[in-house]
C-alpha atoms as a PDB file:
ATOM      1  CA  MET A   1     183.062  94.610 106.621  1.00  0.00           C
ATOM      2  CA  ALA A   2     179.844  96.209 107.623  1.00  0.00           C
ATOM      3  CA  THR A   3     179.976  99.390 109.758  1.00  0.00           C
ATOM      4  CA  VAL A   4     179.177  99.576 113.340  1.00  0.00           C
ATOM      5  CA  GLU A   5     175.468 101.011 112.448  1.00  0.00           C
ATOM      6  CA  GLU A   6     174.984  98.502 110.017  1.00  0.00           C
ATOM      7  CA  ARG A   7     175.904  95.572 112.282  1.00  0.00           C
ATOM      8  CA  VAL A   8     174.220  97.131 115.165  1.00  0.00           C
ATOM      9  CA  LYS A   9     170.976  97.417 113.172  1.00  0.00           C
ATOM     10  CA  GLU A  10     171.403  93.827 111.860  1.00  0.00           C
ATOM     11  CA  VAL A  11     171.445  92.419 115.301  1.00  0.00           C
ATOM     12  CA  THR A  12     168.556  94.417 116.713  1.00  0.00           C
ATOM     13  CA  ALA A  13     166.467  93.388 113.867  1.00  0.00           C
ATOM     14  CA  GLN A  14     167.280  89.809 114.543  1.00  0.00           C
ATOM     15  CA  VAL A  15     166.629  89.756 118.463  1.00  0.00           C
ATOM     16  CA  LEU A  16     163.596  92.055 117.922  1.00  0.00           C
ATOM     17  CA  LYS A  17     162.455  90.253 114.719  1.00  0.00           C
ATOM     18  CA  LEU A  18     162.345  93.516 112.690  1.00  0.00           C
ATOM     19  CA  ASP A  19     163.294  94.672 109.422  1.00  0.00           C
ATOM     20  CA  SER A  20     166.553  96.170 109.688  1.00  0.00           C
ATOM     21  CA  ASP A  21     165.875  98.845 106.824  1.00  0.00           C
ATOM     22  CA  GLN A  22     163.302 100.135 109.307  1.00  0.00           C
ATOM     23  CA  ILE A  23     165.541 100.896 112.385  1.00  0.00           C
ATOM     24  CA  LYS A  24     166.538 104.394 112.659  1.00  0.00           C
ATOM     25  CA  LEU A  25     169.378 105.859 114.843  1.00  0.00           C
ATOM     26  CA  ASP A  26     166.974 108.033 116.791  1.00  0.00           C
ATOM     27  CA  ASP A  27     164.631 104.878 117.519  1.00  0.00           C
ATOM     28  CA  SER A  28     164.493 104.106 121.231  1.00  0.00           C
ATOM     29  CA  PHE A  29     164.951 100.260 121.588  1.00  0.00           C
ATOM     30  CA  THR A  30     161.859 100.006 124.143  1.00  0.00           C
ATOM     31  CA  ALA A  31     159.545 102.826 123.035  1.00  0.00           C
ATOM     32  CA  ASP A  32     160.050 102.586 119.328  1.00  0.00           C
ATOM     33  CA  LEU A  33     161.024  99.068 118.790  1.00  0.00           C
ATOM     34  CA  GLY A  34     159.182  97.607 121.577  1.00  0.00           C
ATOM     35  CA  ALA A  35     162.104  95.701 123.340  1.00  0.00           C
ATOM     36  CA  GLU A  36     161.250  94.250 126.716  1.00  0.00           C
ATOM     37  CA  SER A  37     163.970  93.634 129.437  1.00  0.00           C
ATOM     38  CA  VAL A  38     164.747  90.341 128.581  1.00  0.00           C
ATOM     39  CA  GLN A  39     165.328  91.282 124.634  1.00  0.00           C
ATOM     40  CA  SER A  40     167.511  94.127 125.999  1.00  0.00           C
ATOM     41  CA  ILE A  41     169.756  91.785 127.902  1.00  0.00           C
ATOM     42  CA  GLU A  42     169.578  89.565 124.999  1.00  0.00           C
ATOM     43  CA  LEU A  43     170.664  92.625 122.523  1.00  0.00           C
ATOM     44  CA  VAL A  44     173.696  93.309 124.982  1.00  0.00           C
ATOM     45  CA  ALA A  45     174.785  89.573 124.854  1.00  0.00           C
ATOM     46  CA  MET A  46     174.693  89.784 121.038  1.00  0.00           C
ATOM     47  CA  PHE A  47     176.467  92.778 120.348  1.00  0.00           C
ATOM     48  CA  GLU A  48     179.176  91.540 122.632  1.00  0.00           C
ATOM     49  CA  GLU A  49     179.423  88.380 120.488  1.00  0.00           C
ATOM     50  CA  GLU A  50     178.952  90.410 117.351  1.00  0.00           C
ATOM     51  CA  PHE A  51     181.704  92.488 118.140  1.00  0.00           C
ATOM     52  CA  GLY A  52     184.027  90.619 120.187  1.00  0.00           C
ATOM     53  CA  ILE A  53     183.753  92.640 123.172  1.00  0.00           C
ATOM     54  CA  GLU A  54     182.773  92.820 126.928  1.00  0.00           C
ATOM     55  CA  MET A  55     180.508  95.765 127.968  1.00  0.00           C
ATOM     56  CA  ASP A  56     179.325  96.898 131.382  1.00  0.00           C
ATOM     57  CA  GLU A  57     175.972  95.483 131.329  1.00  0.00           C
ATOM     58  CA  ASP A  58     174.451  98.503 133.321  1.00  0.00           C
ATOM     59  CA  ALA A  59     176.194 100.881 131.398  1.00  0.00           C
ATOM     60  CA  ALA A  60     175.020  98.998 128.196  1.00  0.00           C
ATOM     61  CA  LEU A  61     171.414  98.861 129.429  1.00  0.00           C
ATOM     62  CA  SER A  62     171.176 102.394 129.971  1.00  0.00           C
ATOM     63  CA  VAL A  63     171.877 103.165 126.304  1.00  0.00           C
ATOM     64  CA  GLU A  64     168.388 104.105 125.120  1.00  0.00           C
ATOM     65  CA  THR A  65     168.525 104.629 121.255  1.00  0.00           C
ATOM     66  CA  VAL A  66     169.930 102.654 118.335  1.00  0.00           C
ATOM     67  CA  GLY A  67     172.258 105.711 117.503  1.00  0.00           C
ATOM     68  CA  LYS A  68     173.690 105.927 120.989  1.00  0.00           C
ATOM     69  CA  ALA A  69     174.443 101.923 120.969  1.00  0.00           C
ATOM     70  CA  VAL A  70     176.457 102.641 117.912  1.00  0.00           C
ATOM     71  CA  ASP A  71     178.324 105.487 119.646  1.00  0.00           C
ATOM     72  CA  PHE A  72     178.746 103.218 122.784  1.00  0.00           C
ATOM     73  CA  ILE A  73     179.858 100.272 121.119  1.00  0.00           C
ATOM     74  CA  THR A  74     182.431 102.002 118.751  1.00  0.00           C
ATOM     75  CA  GLN A  75     183.902 103.550 122.058  1.00  0.00           C
ATOM     76  CA  VAL A  76     184.037  99.983 123.791  1.00  0.00           C
ATOM     77  CA  CYS A  77     185.532  98.708 120.546  1.00  0.00           C
ATOM     78  CA  ALA A  78     188.247 101.362 120.856  1.00  0.00           C
ATOM     79  CA  GLU A  79     188.968 100.858 124.439  1.00  0.00           C
ATOM     80  CA  GLN A  80     189.320  97.060 123.903  1.00  0.00           C
ATOM     81  CA  GLY A  81     191.351  97.431 120.926  1.00  0.00           C
ATOM     82  CA  VAL A  82     188.874  96.064 118.594  1.00  0.00           C
ATOM     83  CA  ASP A  83     189.217  97.153 114.942  1.00  0.00           C
ATOM     84  CA  VAL A  84     185.743  98.236 113.538  1.00  0.00           C
ATOM     85  CA  GLU A  85     184.706 100.416 110.302  1.00  0.00           C
ATOM     86  CA  GLU A  86     182.904 103.513 111.383  1.00  0.00           C
END
């Protein structure tokens, strides 16, 4: 199974039409990767689907970087009892 980081990068690449190899943990979704508000909402929905979790939308949308998204999703998975590879 892929790690949370790999899965976050893959979903981000898919939604933003980027190469996942070019996405770095310190990349900002908006400033570095060019995500617009609609795409940010789509990312949240796709992360929920990918990991089988439910996230607080406001909290999820306040996450600014790929690395923080990995941490946030890992934490939500732990809280909701979803087993993921870190």
